[in-house]
């Protein structure tokens, strides 16, 4: 089984100071086998990380759309900021990637209205059902949406600092393609540690 964190940030995001070398070292200490580096509005850090640690890296991006934020996974290029949610999802799918909606109902950050999430259901592959920085109500609403619409759920750390890695992750079978990844993710174990949700920040770290 692989330990995978699908939502985290590096110094390529404006609100993180975590270097790529620090990420690689921390993943080794935490026994994370794969990470999706999902910096805000850029894949540059993830592409660089893949050159440093190819077996560790899933190339991702947290894309700010005209509404909420959508993460692309298994990307080959970036998606322009300010696309509509539908346009962003289409661009991710065109490059063979998967779409993953981060903190969809968190009112403190970019989010979607419940009705819009239902509109987007046909182009959403994965929904973040647990984010350690979300309120319990927001996480519960995301889980309810997954159940209602038959979507695959995921937990991620949304780490912006090294100390925030390992708050939560997924344990799943190995995969060789995005399609197999999605199939295995639907059967994965969500691991949430006792440090998760305590709303602590390491110096320089904040969730977004």
Foldseek 3Di string as FASTA:
>chain_A
DAWEFEAEEDVVAVLFPHHLVLVVVLCVVLVHQEYEHAHEQFQVRQVVSCVVPVRHGWGKYFEAECAATKMKTNADGTDGHHHHPVVRLVVSVVRVIAIEGELAQAPVHRHDDPVVCVVCLVSHAEYALEELQGDPVSSVVRVVSCVVSVHQYFHHQLWRYSVSPPQKTKAWDDDDGNVRVSVGSSVIDIDGDPVGNPPDADVSIDGD
